Amino acid sequence: MLSTAQNVVMVVLNVVVLIALLVFGVFAVYNNRPNFELTPEHLYDQQKGQQWGIWVFVFIIISWLVTLPGVFWTLGDGWVQALWWIELASNIASLVCCCASIFYYHRLNTRPHD
C-alpha cells in the first residue's frame, strides 16, 4: 500500500504538472507561429521549444500509462511502489521539459526582430 505521504506528494505533483502543462500550452500556441519573419536565431528557439515539447508529451503519456495497471488489476505492494516511482520520475521529467520548452518559446518571443 502507498503511504498517505506518497499519495499527497503525487496529488500535489500532478496539480503542479497540470499547471505547467497549461502554461506550456499557452506558450506553445502563442509562440509557435510568431507575427514576424524568423531569423536563424528565432528558428533555433522555435525548434528547441518544439523538441522539448515533444518530450513533455512523451513523459506525460508514460505517467498516465503507469496508472492503468492499478485501475484494471489488483497489484502487489512491490508493483504499486515501482509504478509510483516511475510515475514520480516521469512527472518530474515532464516538468523539466515543460520549463525548457517554455524557456525557448519565451526567448523566441522576446528576442529582438525587425
PDB file of N, CA and C in Angstrom:
ATOM      1  N   MET A   1       0.846  -1.190   0.000  1.00  0.00           N
ATOM      2  CA  MET A   1       0.000   0.000   0.000  1.00  0.00           C
ATOM      3  C   MET A   1       0.882   1.241   0.000  1.00  0.00           C
ATOM      4  N   LEU A   2       0.369   2.252  -0.658  1.00  0.00           N
ATOM      5  CA  LEU A   2       1.062   3.535  -0.648  1.00  0.00           C
ATOM      6  C   LEU A   2       0.754   4.264   0.648  1.00  0.00           C
ATOM      7  N   SER A   3       1.745   4.950   1.160  1.00  0.00           N
ATOM      8  CA  SER A   3       1.511   5.719   2.380  1.00  0.00           C
ATOM      9  C   SER A   3       0.739   6.987   2.047  1.00  0.00           C
ATOM     10  N   THR A   4       0.192   7.599   3.064  1.00  0.00           N
ATOM     11  CA  THR A   4      -0.549   8.852   2.879  1.00  0.00           C
ATOM     12  C   THR A   4       0.372   9.930   2.330  1.00  0.00           C
ATOM     13  N   ALA A   5       1.614   9.950   2.808  1.00  0.00           N
ATOM     14  CA  ALA A   5       2.570  10.955   2.325  1.00  0.00           C
ATOM     15  C   ALA A   5       2.839  10.784   0.834  1.00  0.00           C
ATOM     16  N   GLN A   6       2.961   9.540   0.377  1.00  0.00           N
ATOM     17  CA  GLN A   6       3.184   9.303  -1.049  1.00  0.00           C
ATOM     18  C   GLN A   6       1.986   9.765  -1.867  1.00  0.00           C
ATOM     19  N   ASN A   7       0.789   9.511  -1.379  1.00  0.00           N
ATOM     20  CA  ASN A   7      -0.404   9.964  -2.095  1.00  0.00           C
ATOM     21  C   ASN A   7      -0.471  11.482  -2.151  1.00  0.00           C
ATOM     22  N   VAL A   8      -0.140  12.153  -1.051  1.00  0.00           N
ATOM     23  CA  VAL A   8      -0.163  13.620  -1.020  1.00  0.00           C
ATOM     24  C   VAL A   8       0.884  14.182  -1.979  1.00  0.00           C
ATOM     25  N   VAL A   9       2.079  13.603  -1.967  1.00  0.00           N
ATOM     26  CA  VAL A   9       3.138  14.058  -2.875  1.00  0.00           C
ATOM     27  C   VAL A   9       2.687  13.941  -4.316  1.00  0.00           C
ATOM     28  N   MET A  10       2.075  12.824  -4.678  1.00  0.00           N
ATOM     29  CA  MET A  10       1.665  12.619  -6.058  1.00  0.00           C
ATOM     30  C   MET A  10       0.524  13.544  -6.450  1.00  0.00           C
ATOM     31  N   VAL A  11      -0.412  13.785  -5.540  1.00  0.00           N
ATOM     32  CA  VAL A  11      -1.514  14.710  -5.847  1.00  0.00           C
ATOM     33  C   VAL A  11      -0.970  16.113  -6.083  1.00  0.00           C
ATOM     34  N   VAL A  12      -0.089  16.573  -5.209  1.00  0.00           N
ATOM     35  CA  VAL A  12       0.498  17.907  -5.370  1.00  0.00           C
ATOM     36  C   VAL A  12       1.302  17.984  -6.661  1.00  0.00           C
ATOM     37  N   LEU A  13       2.104  16.962  -6.934  1.00  0.00           N
ATOM     38  CA  LEU A  13       2.908  16.956  -8.149  1.00  0.00           C
ATOM     39  C   LEU A  13       2.035  16.925  -9.396  1.00  0.00           C
ATOM     40  N   ASN A  14       0.949  16.177  -9.374  1.00  0.00           N
ATOM     41  CA  ASN A  14       0.038  16.151 -10.518  1.00  0.00           C
ATOM     42  C   ASN A  14      -0.596  17.512 -10.752  1.00  0.00           C
ATOM     43  N   VAL A  15      -0.937  18.228  -9.697  1.00  0.00           N
ATOM     44  CA  VAL A  15      -1.503  19.579  -9.852  1.00  0.00           C
ATOM     45  C   VAL A  15      -0.456  20.519 -10.444  1.00  0.00           C
ATOM     46  N   VAL A  16       0.778  20.430  -9.950  1.00  0.00           N
ATOM     47  CA  VAL A  16       1.858  21.266 -10.479  1.00  0.00           C
ATOM     48  C   VAL A  16       2.098  20.954 -11.957  1.00  0.00           C
ATOM     49  N   VAL A  17       2.080  19.680 -12.323  1.00  0.00           N
ATOM     50  CA  VAL A  17       2.273  19.291 -13.723  1.00  0.00           C
ATOM     51  C   VAL A  17       1.135  19.834 -14.583  1.00  0.00           C
ATOM     52  N   LEU A  18      -0.093  19.768 -14.099  1.00  0.00           N
ATOM     53  CA  LEU A  18      -1.221  20.299 -14.873  1.00  0.00           C
ATOM     54  C   LEU A  18      -1.090  21.803 -15.093  1.00  0.00           C
ATOM     55  N   ILE A  19      -0.675  22.535 -14.079  1.00  0.00           N
ATOM     56  CA  ILE A  19      -0.466  23.979 -14.226  1.00  0.00           C
ATOM     57  C   ILE A  19       0.659  24.242 -15.224  1.00  0.00           C
ATOM     58  N   ALA A  20       1.758  23.488 -15.122  1.00  0.00           N
ATOM     59  CA  ALA A  20       2.869  23.646 -16.065  1.00  0.00           C
ATOM     60  C   ALA A  20       2.425  23.324 -17.488  1.00  0.00           C
ATOM     61  N   LEU A  21       1.575  22.313 -17.647  1.00  0.00           N
ATOM     62  CA  LEU A  21       1.065  21.980 -18.985  1.00  0.00           C
ATOM     63  C   LEU A  21       0.205  23.101 -19.549  1.00  0.00           C
ATOM     64  N   LEU A  22      -0.588  23.737 -18.703  1.00  0.00           N
ATOM     65  CA  LEU A  22      -1.391  24.867 -19.178  1.00  0.00           C
ATOM     66  C   LEU A  22      -0.503  26.025 -19.629  1.00  0.00           C
ATOM     67  N   VAL A  23       0.505  26.346 -18.839  1.00  0.00           N
ATOM     68  CA  VAL A  23       1.433  27.418 -19.209  1.00  0.00           C
ATOM     69  C   VAL A  23       2.179  27.044 -20.482  1.00  0.00           C
ATOM     70  N   PHE A  24       2.661  25.807 -20.554  1.00  0.00           N
ATOM     71  CA  PHE A  24       3.352  25.334 -21.750  1.00  0.00           C
ATOM     72  C   PHE A  24       2.439  25.431 -22.965  1.00  0.00           C
ATOM     73  N   GLY A  25       1.191  25.032 -22.824  1.00  0.00           N
ATOM     74  CA  GLY A  25       0.243  25.088 -23.934  1.00  0.00           C
ATOM     75  C   GLY A  25       0.031  26.504 -24.440  1.00  0.00           C
ATOM     76  N   VAL A  26      -0.101  27.448 -23.523  1.00  0.00           N
ATOM     77  CA  VAL A  26      -0.275  28.849 -23.919  1.00  0.00           C
ATOM     78  C   VAL A  26       0.958  29.339 -24.677  1.00  0.00           C
ATOM     79  N   PHE A  27       2.139  29.067 -24.129  1.00  0.00           N
ATOM     80  CA  PHE A  27       3.374  29.479 -24.804  1.00  0.00           C
ATOM     81  C   PHE A  27       3.507  28.797 -26.160  1.00  0.00           C
ATOM     82  N   ALA A  28       3.199  27.514 -26.239  1.00  0.00           N
ATOM     83  CA  ALA A  28       3.352  26.777 -27.488  1.00  0.00           C
ATOM     84  C   ALA A  28       2.410  27.303 -28.565  1.00  0.00           C
ATOM     85  N   VAL A  29       1.173  27.549 -28.207  1.00  0.00           N
ATOM     86  CA  VAL A  29       0.210  28.042 -29.192  1.00  0.00           C
ATOM     87  C   VAL A  29       0.536  29.475 -29.603  1.00  0.00           C
ATOM     88  N   TYR A  30       0.845  30.314 -28.631  1.00  0.00           N
ATOM     89  CA  TYR A  30       1.080  31.731 -28.903  1.00  0.00           C
ATOM     90  C   TYR A  30       2.394  31.966 -29.645  1.00  0.00           C
ATOM     91  N   ASN A  31       3.434  31.214 -29.310  1.00  0.00           N
ATOM     92  CA  ASN A  31       4.763  31.492 -29.852  1.00  0.00           C
ATOM     93  C   ASN A  31       5.205  30.550 -30.956  1.00  0.00           C
ATOM     94  N   ASN A  32       4.405  29.585 -31.309  1.00  0.00           N
ATOM     95  CA  ASN A  32       4.830  28.656 -32.347  1.00  0.00           C
ATOM     96  C   ASN A  32       4.792  29.288 -33.727  1.00  0.00           C
ATOM     97  N   ARG A  33       3.926  30.260 -33.948  1.00  0.00           N
ATOM     98  CA  ARG A  33       3.853  30.981 -35.215  1.00  0.00           C
ATOM     99  C   ARG A  33       3.871  32.481 -34.927  1.00  0.00           C
ATOM    100  N   PRO A  34       5.070  33.015 -34.694  1.00  0.00           N
ATOM    101  CA  PRO A  34       5.148  34.439 -34.357  1.00  0.00           C
ATOM    102  C   PRO A  34       4.739  35.326 -35.530  1.00  0.00           C
ATOM    103  N   ASN A  35       4.459  36.584 -35.236  1.00  0.00           N
ATOM    104  CA  ASN A  35       3.975  37.539 -36.235  1.00  0.00           C
ATOM    105  C   ASN A  35       5.110  38.240 -36.977  1.00  0.00           C
ATOM    106  N   PHE A  36       6.294  37.693 -36.947  1.00  0.00           N
ATOM    107  CA  PHE A  36       7.426  38.330 -37.605  1.00  0.00           C
ATOM    108  C   PHE A  36       8.236  37.267 -38.327  1.00  0.00           C
ATOM    109  N   GLU A  37       9.076  37.716 -39.251  1.00  0.00           N
ATOM    110  CA  GLU A  37       9.908  36.785 -40.004  1.00  0.00           C
ATOM    111  C   GLU A  37      10.971  36.190 -39.087  1.00  0.00           C
ATOM    112  N   LEU A  38      11.151  34.900 -39.199  1.00  0.00           N
ATOM    113  CA  LEU A  38      12.071  34.210 -38.307  1.00  0.00           C
ATOM    114  C   LEU A  38      13.510  34.302 -38.819  1.00  0.00           C
ATOM    115  N   THR A  39      14.389  34.786 -37.973  1.00  0.00           N
ATOM    116  CA  THR A  39      15.823  34.760 -38.255  1.00  0.00           C
ATOM    117  C   THR A  39      16.354  33.383 -37.854  1.00  0.00           C
ATOM    118  N   PRO A  40      17.596  33.060 -38.184  1.00  0.00           N
ATOM    119  CA  PRO A  40      18.129  31.760 -37.751  1.00  0.00           C
ATOM    120  C   PRO A  40      18.065  31.570 -36.232  1.00  0.00           C
ATOM    121  N   GLU A  41      18.277  32.651 -35.469  1.00  0.00           N
ATOM    122  CA  GLU A  41      18.191  32.536 -34.011  1.00  0.00           C
ATOM    123  C   GLU A  41      16.762  32.236 -33.572  1.00  0.00           C
ATOM    124  N   HIS A  42      15.788  32.894 -34.229  1.00  0.00           N
ATOM    125  CA  HIS A  42      14.389  32.623 -33.909  1.00  0.00           C
ATOM    126  C   HIS A  42      14.019  31.184 -34.266  1.00  0.00           C
ATOM    127  N   LEU A  43      14.493  30.719 -35.424  1.00  0.00           N
ATOM    128  CA  LEU A  43      14.206  29.344 -35.832  1.00  0.00           C
ATOM    129  C   LEU A  43      14.789  28.344 -34.835  1.00  0.00           C
ATOM    130  N   TYR A  44      15.984  28.625 -34.353  1.00  0.00           N
ATOM    131  CA  TYR A  44      16.614  27.747 -33.365  1.00  0.00           C
ATOM    132  C   TYR A  44      15.740  27.660 -32.116  1.00  0.00           C
ATOM    133  N   ASP A  45      15.295  28.813 -31.610  1.00  0.00           N
ATOM    134  CA  ASP A  45      14.452  28.822 -30.411  1.00  0.00           C
ATOM    135  C   ASP A  45      13.142  28.088 -30.652  1.00  0.00           C
ATOM    136  N   GLN A  46      12.557  28.293 -31.828  1.00  0.00           N
ATOM    137  CA  GLN A  46      11.290  27.633 -32.134  1.00  0.00           C
ATOM    138  C   GLN A  46      11.468  26.118 -32.204  1.00  0.00           C
ATOM    139  N   GLN A  47      12.535  25.677 -32.863  1.00  0.00           N
ATOM    140  CA  GLN A  47      12.772  24.242 -32.993  1.00  0.00           C
ATOM    141  C   GLN A  47      13.096  23.608 -31.640  1.00  0.00           C
ATOM    142  N   LYS A  48      13.898  24.279 -30.818  1.00  0.00           N
ATOM    143  CA  LYS A  48      14.217  23.736 -29.498  1.00  0.00           C
ATOM    144  C   LYS A  48      12.949  23.670 -28.632  1.00  0.00           C
ATOM    145  N   GLY A  49      12.105  24.688 -28.703  1.00  0.00           N
ATOM    146  CA  GLY A  49      10.846  24.657 -27.965  1.00  0.00           C
ATOM    147  C   GLY A  49       9.967  23.493 -28.394  1.00  0.00           C
ATOM    148  N   GLN A  50       9.929  23.244 -29.700  1.00  0.00           N
ATOM    149  CA  GLN A  50       9.135  22.123 -30.208  1.00  0.00           C
ATOM    150  C   GLN A  50       9.725  20.783 -29.783  1.00  0.00           C
ATOM    151  N   GLN A  51      11.055  20.666 -29.837  1.00  0.00           N
ATOM    152  CA  GLN A  51      11.696  19.410 -29.431  1.00  0.00           C
ATOM    153  C   GLN A  51      11.439  19.108 -27.962  1.00  0.00           C
ATOM    154  N   TRP A  52      11.600  20.101 -27.101  1.00  0.00           N
ATOM    155  CA  TRP A  52      11.324  19.885 -25.680  1.00  0.00           C
ATOM    156  C   TRP A  52       9.841  19.600 -25.467  1.00  0.00           C
ATOM    157  N   GLY A  53       8.981  20.226 -26.271  1.00  0.00           N
ATOM    158  CA  GLY A  53       7.544  19.987 -26.164  1.00  0.00           C
ATOM    159  C   GLY A  53       7.158  18.561 -26.486  1.00  0.00           C
ATOM    160  N   ILE A  54       7.852  17.949 -27.435  1.00  0.00           N
ATOM    161  CA  ILE A  54       7.587  16.541 -27.752  1.00  0.00           C
ATOM    162  C   ILE A  54       7.921  15.674 -26.542  1.00  0.00           C
ATOM    163  N   TRP A  55       9.033  15.971 -25.865  1.00  0.00           N
ATOM    164  CA  TRP A  55       9.409  15.193 -24.678  1.00  0.00           C
ATOM    165  C   TRP A  55       8.409  15.386 -23.544  1.00  0.00           C
ATOM    166  N   VAL A  56       7.811  16.576 -23.458  1.00  0.00           N
ATOM    167  CA  VAL A  56       6.764  16.796 -22.446  1.00  0.00           C
ATOM    168  C   VAL A  56       5.667  15.753 -22.629  1.00  0.00           C
ATOM    169  N   PHE A  57       5.191  15.595 -23.855  1.00  0.00           N
ATOM    170  CA  PHE A  57       4.097  14.667 -24.103  1.00  0.00           C
ATOM    171  C   PHE A  57       4.519  13.210 -23.941  1.00  0.00           C
ATOM    172  N   VAL A  58       5.761  12.884 -24.272  1.00  0.00           N
ATOM    173  CA  VAL A  58       6.247  11.515 -24.062  1.00  0.00           C
ATOM    174  C   VAL A  58       6.194  11.174 -22.577  1.00  0.00           C
ATOM    175  N   PHE A  59       6.701  12.071 -21.725  1.00  0.00           N
ATOM    176  CA  PHE A  59       6.720  11.784 -20.291  1.00  0.00           C
ATOM    177  C   PHE A  59       5.320  11.823 -19.674  1.00  0.00           C
ATOM    178  N   ILE A  60       4.446  12.676 -20.163  1.00  0.00           N
ATOM    179  CA  ILE A  60       3.072  12.706 -19.672  1.00  0.00           C
ATOM    180  C   ILE A  60       2.360  11.397 -20.016  1.00  0.00           C
ATOM    181  N   ILE A  61       2.563  10.901 -21.230  1.00  0.00           N
ATOM    182  CA  ILE A  61       1.943   9.634 -21.631  1.00  0.00           C
ATOM    183  C   ILE A  61       2.463   8.489 -20.763  1.00  0.00           C
ATOM    184  N   ILE A  62       3.775   8.476 -20.493  1.00  0.00           N
ATOM    185  CA  ILE A  62       4.340   7.450 -19.610  1.00  0.00           C
ATOM    186  C   ILE A  62       3.696   7.540 -18.225  1.00  0.00           C
ATOM    187  N   SER A  63       3.571   8.766 -17.723  1.00  0.00           N
ATOM    188  CA  SER A  63       2.972   8.965 -16.403  1.00  0.00           C
ATOM    189  C   SER A  63       1.545   8.440 -16.351  1.00  0.00           C
ATOM    190  N   TRP A  64       0.794   8.672 -17.395  1.00  0.00           N
ATOM    191  CA  TRP A  64      -0.585   8.193 -17.425  1.00  0.00           C
ATOM    192  C   TRP A  64      -0.654   6.675 -17.608  1.00  0.00           C
ATOM    193  N   LEU A  65       0.233   6.128 -18.431  1.00  0.00           N
ATOM    194  CA  LEU A  65       0.200   4.686 -18.678  1.00  0.00           C
ATOM    195  C   LEU A  65       0.528   3.864 -17.431  1.00  0.00           C
ATOM    196  N   VAL A  66       1.412   4.361 -16.572  1.00  0.00           N
ATOM    197  CA  VAL A  66       1.761   3.568 -15.389  1.00  0.00           C
ATOM    198  C   VAL A  66       0.631   3.541 -14.368  1.00  0.00           C
ATOM    199  N   THR A  67      -0.362   4.393 -14.518  1.00  0.00           N
ATOM    200  CA  THR A  67      -1.502   4.338 -13.603  1.00  0.00           C
ATOM    201  C   THR A  67      -2.541   3.304 -14.043  1.00  0.00           C
ATOM    202  N   LEU A  68      -2.494   2.889 -15.292  1.00  0.00           N
ATOM    203  CA  LEU A  68      -3.517   1.964 -15.810  1.00  0.00           C
ATOM    204  C   LEU A  68      -3.518   0.585 -15.157  1.00  0.00           C
ATOM    205  N   PRO A  69      -2.355  -0.041 -14.897  1.00  0.00           N
ATOM    206  CA  PRO A  69      -2.423  -1.378 -14.269  1.00  0.00           C
ATOM    207  C   PRO A  69      -3.162  -1.373 -12.933  1.00  0.00           C
ATOM    208  N   GLY A  70      -2.996  -0.323 -12.144  1.00  0.00           N
ATOM    209  CA  GLY A  70      -3.694  -0.250 -10.863  1.00  0.00           C
ATOM    210  C   GLY A  70      -5.191  -0.046 -11.014  1.00  0.00           C
ATOM    211  N   VAL A  71      -5.603   0.516 -12.152  1.00  0.00           N
ATOM    212  CA  VAL A  71      -7.029   0.725 -12.398  1.00  0.00           C
ATOM    213  C   VAL A  71      -7.699  -0.581 -12.811  1.00  0.00           C
ATOM    214  N   PHE A  72      -7.019  -1.371 -13.627  1.00  0.00           N
ATOM    215  CA  PHE A  72      -7.644  -2.562 -14.197  1.00  0.00           C
ATOM    216  C   PHE A  72      -7.338  -3.859 -13.448  1.00  0.00           C
ATOM    217  N   TRP A  73      -6.252  -3.889 -12.682  1.00  0.00           N
ATOM    218  CA  TRP A  73      -5.880  -5.117 -11.971  1.00  0.00           C
ATOM    219  C   TRP A  73      -5.500  -4.796 -10.539  1.00  0.00           C
ATOM    220  N   THR A  74      -5.555  -5.793  -9.697  1.00  0.00           N
ATOM    221  CA  THR A  74      -5.062  -5.659  -8.331  1.00  0.00           C
ATOM    222  C   THR A  74      -3.578  -5.998  -8.348  1.00  0.00           C
ATOM    223  N   LEU A  75      -2.785  -5.063  -7.857  1.00  0.00           N
ATOM    224  CA  LEU A  75      -1.339  -5.240  -7.901  1.00  0.00           C
ATOM    225  C   LEU A  75      -0.784  -5.480  -6.505  1.00  0.00           C
ATOM    226  N   GLY A  76       0.328  -6.188  -6.444  1.00  0.00           N
ATOM    227  CA  GLY A  76       1.023  -6.381  -5.175  1.00  0.00           C
ATOM    228  C   GLY A  76       1.718  -5.093  -4.754  1.00  0.00           C
ATOM    229  N   ASP A  77       2.101  -5.026  -3.491  1.00  0.00           N
ATOM    230  CA  ASP A  77       2.740  -3.815  -2.968  1.00  0.00           C
ATOM    231  C   ASP A  77       4.029  -3.465  -3.708  1.00  0.00           C
ATOM    232  N   GLY A  78       4.787  -4.463  -4.107  1.00  0.00           N
ATOM    233  CA  GLY A  78       6.024  -4.205  -4.842  1.00  0.00           C
ATOM    234  C   GLY A  78       5.765  -3.496  -6.159  1.00  0.00           C
ATOM    235  N   TRP A  79       4.734  -3.968  -6.878  1.00  0.00           N
ATOM    236  CA  TRP A  79       4.383  -3.334  -8.152  1.00  0.00           C
ATOM    237  C   TRP A  79       3.857  -1.922  -7.941  1.00  0.00           C
ATOM    238  N   VAL A  80       3.047  -1.750  -6.924  1.00  0.00           N
ATOM    239  CA  VAL A  80       2.491  -0.423  -6.647  1.00  0.00           C
ATOM    240  C   VAL A  80       3.620   0.571  -6.365  1.00  0.00           C
ATOM    241  N   GLN A  81       4.588   0.154  -5.553  1.00  0.00           N
ATOM    242  CA  GLN A  81       5.721   1.031  -5.230  1.00  0.00           C
ATOM    243  C   GLN A  81       6.552   1.330  -6.474  1.00  0.00           C
ATOM    244  N   ALA A  82       6.815   0.315  -7.292  1.00  0.00           N
ATOM    245  CA  ALA A  82       7.612   0.513  -8.504  1.00  0.00           C
ATOM    246  C   ALA A  82       6.915   1.483  -9.467  1.00  0.00           C
ATOM    247  N   LEU A  83       5.626   1.279  -9.645  1.00  0.00           N
ATOM    248  CA  LEU A  83       4.885   2.168 -10.545  1.00  0.00           C
ATOM    249  C   LEU A  83       4.803   3.588  -9.988  1.00  0.00           C
ATOM    250  N   TRP A  84       4.731   3.719  -8.662  1.00  0.00           N
ATOM    251  CA  TRP A  84       4.715   5.049  -8.055  1.00  0.00           C
ATOM    252  C   TRP A  84       6.019   5.784  -8.357  1.00  0.00           C
ATOM    253  N   TRP A  85       7.143   5.088  -8.231  1.00  0.00           N
ATOM    254  CA  TRP A  85       8.442   5.713  -8.510  1.00  0.00           C
ATOM    255  C   TRP A  85       8.581   6.070  -9.988  1.00  0.00           C
ATOM    256  N   ILE A  86       8.075   5.222 -10.870  1.00  0.00           N
ATOM    257  CA  ILE A  86       8.116   5.528 -12.307  1.00  0.00           C
ATOM    258  C   ILE A  86       7.263   6.759 -12.593  1.00  0.00           C
ATOM    259  N   GLU A  87       6.077   6.824 -11.985  1.00  0.00           N
ATOM    260  CA  GLU A  87       5.223   7.992 -12.190  1.00  0.00           C
ATOM    261  C   GLU A  87       5.877   9.253 -11.630  1.00  0.00           C
ATOM    262  N   LEU A  88       6.503   9.143 -10.481  1.00  0.00           N
ATOM    263  CA  LEU A  88       7.206  10.294  -9.903  1.00  0.00           C
ATOM    264  C   LEU A  88       8.308  10.786 -10.840  1.00  0.00           C
ATOM    265  N   ALA A  89       9.120   9.858 -11.343  1.00  0.00           N
ATOM    266  CA  ALA A  89      10.217  10.230 -12.246  1.00  0.00           C
ATOM    267  C   ALA A  89       9.694  10.845 -13.540  1.00  0.00           C
ATOM    268  N   SER A  90       8.634  10.276 -14.094  1.00  0.00           N
ATOM    269  CA  SER A  90       8.107  10.822 -15.353  1.00  0.00           C
ATOM    270  C   SER A  90       7.432  12.173 -15.139  1.00  0.00           C
ATOM    271  N   ASN A  91       6.804  12.396 -13.996  1.00  0.00           N
ATOM    272  CA  ASN A  91       6.228  13.716 -13.717  1.00  0.00           C
ATOM    273  C   ASN A  91       7.314  14.775 -13.563  1.00  0.00           C
ATOM    274  N   ILE A  92       8.384  14.426 -12.867  1.00  0.00           N
ATOM    275  CA  ILE A  92       9.485  15.379 -12.706  1.00  0.00           C
ATOM    276  C   ILE A  92      10.141  15.652 -14.059  1.00  0.00           C
ATOM    277  N   ALA A  93      10.334  14.610 -14.865  1.00  0.00           N
ATOM    278  CA  ALA A  93      10.915  14.800 -16.196  1.00  0.00           C
ATOM    279  C   ALA A  93      10.015  15.673 -17.068  1.00  0.00           C
ATOM    280  N   SER A  94       8.704  15.499 -16.975  1.00  0.00           N
ATOM    281  CA  SER A  94       7.803  16.339 -17.770  1.00  0.00           C
ATOM    282  C   SER A  94       7.860  17.788 -17.309  1.00  0.00           C
ATOM    283  N   LEU A  95       8.022  18.021 -16.010  1.00  0.00           N
ATOM    284  CA  LEU A  95       8.176  19.395 -15.515  1.00  0.00           C
ATOM    285  C   LEU A  95       9.462  20.032 -16.041  1.00  0.00           C
ATOM    286  N   VAL A  96      10.555  19.281 -16.032  1.00  0.00           N
ATOM    287  CA  VAL A  96      11.824  19.797 -16.552  1.00  0.00           C
ATOM    288  C   VAL A  96      11.685  20.135 -18.033  1.00  0.00           C
ATOM    289  N   CYS A  97      11.066  19.254 -18.794  1.00  0.00           N
ATOM    290  CA  CYS A  97      10.877  19.503 -20.230  1.00  0.00           C
ATOM    291  C   CYS A  97       9.939  20.677 -20.472  1.00  0.00           C
ATOM    292  N   CYS A  98       8.897  20.807 -19.657  1.00  0.00           N
ATOM    293  CA  CYS A  98       7.990  21.964 -19.761  1.00  0.00           C
ATOM    294  C   CYS A  98       8.764  23.263 -19.558  1.00  0.00           C
ATOM    295  N   CYS A  99       9.585  23.293 -18.531  1.00  0.00           N
ATOM    296  CA  CYS A  99      10.358  24.508 -18.235  1.00  0.00           C
ATOM    297  C   CYS A  99      11.317  24.833 -19.372  1.00  0.00           C
ATOM    298  N   ALA A 100      11.974  23.818 -19.921  1.00  0.00           N
ATOM    299  CA  ALA A 100      12.903  24.046 -21.029  1.00  0.00           C
ATOM    300  C   ALA A 100      12.156  24.563 -22.255  1.00  0.00           C
ATOM    301  N   SER A 101      11.019  23.965 -22.562  1.00  0.00           N
ATOM    302  CA  SER A 101      10.236  24.404 -23.722  1.00  0.00           C
ATOM    303  C   SER A 101       9.721  25.827 -23.528  1.00  0.00           C
ATOM    304  N   ILE A 102       9.215  26.112 -22.346  1.00  0.00           N
ATOM    305  CA  ILE A 102       8.728  27.470 -22.053  1.00  0.00           C
ATOM    306  C   ILE A 102       9.864  28.468 -22.174  1.00  0.00           C
ATOM    307  N   PHE A 103      11.061  28.106 -21.709  1.00  0.00           N
ATOM    308  CA  PHE A 103      12.217  28.994 -21.819  1.00  0.00           C
ATOM    309  C   PHE A 103      12.486  29.346 -23.280  1.00  0.00           C
ATOM    310  N   TYR A 104      12.532  28.337 -24.154  1.00  0.00           N
ATOM    311  CA  TYR A 104      12.834  28.610 -25.556  1.00  0.00           C
ATOM    312  C   TYR A 104      11.718  29.387 -26.237  1.00  0.00           C
ATOM    313  N   TYR A 105      10.465  29.076 -25.944  1.00  0.00           N
ATOM    314  CA  TYR A 105       9.362  29.828 -26.538  1.00  0.00           C
ATOM    315  C   TYR A 105       9.348  31.270 -26.027  1.00  0.00           C
ATOM    316  N   HIS A 106       9.654  31.452 -24.756  1.00  0.00           N
ATOM    317  CA  HIS A 106       9.710  32.813 -24.209  1.00  0.00           C
ATOM    318  C   HIS A 106      10.847  33.597 -24.859  1.00  0.00           C
ATOM    319  N   ARG A 107      11.997  32.938 -25.025  1.00  0.00           N
ATOM    320  CA  ARG A 107      13.132  33.607 -25.657  1.00  0.00           C
ATOM    321  C   ARG A 107      12.821  33.942 -27.113  1.00  0.00           C
ATOM    322  N   LEU A 108      12.096  33.076 -27.789  1.00  0.00           N
ATOM    323  CA  LEU A 108      11.675  33.338 -29.171  1.00  0.00           C
ATOM    324  C   LEU A 108      10.863  34.612 -29.233  1.00  0.00           C
ATOM    325  N   ASN A 109       9.964  34.783 -28.279  1.00  0.00           N
ATOM    326  CA  ASN A 109       9.070  35.938 -28.277  1.00  0.00           C
ATOM    327  C   ASN A 109       9.776  37.220 -27.854  1.00  0.00           C
ATOM    328  N   THR A 110      10.809  37.123 -27.043  1.00  0.00           N
ATOM    329  CA  THR A 110      11.450  38.322 -26.519  1.00  0.00           C
ATOM    330  C   THR A 110      12.729  38.696 -27.258  1.00  0.00           C
ATOM    331  N   ARG A 111      13.178  37.870 -28.195  1.00  0.00           N
ATOM    332  CA  ARG A 111      14.350  38.217 -28.997  1.00  0.00           C
ATOM    333  C   ARG A 111      14.038  39.422 -29.875  1.00  0.00           C
ATOM    334  N   PRO A 112      15.006  40.304 -30.077  1.00  0.00           N
ATOM    335  CA  PRO A 112      14.765  41.433 -30.981  1.00  0.00           C
ATOM    336  C   PRO A 112      14.509  40.928 -32.405  1.00  0.00           C
ATOM    337  N   HIS A 113      13.645  41.603 -33.111  1.00  0.00           N
ATOM    338  CA  HIS A 113      13.335  41.256 -34.500  1.00  0.00           C
ATOM    339  C   HIS A 113      13.003  42.520 -35.264  1.00  0.00           C
ATOM    340  N   ASP A 114      12.963  42.397 -36.581  1.00  0.00           N
ATOM    341  CA  ASP A 114      12.653  43.574 -37.432  1.00  0.00           C
ATOM    342  C   ASP A 114      11.170  43.859 -37.430  1.00  0.00           C
TER     343      ASP A 114
END
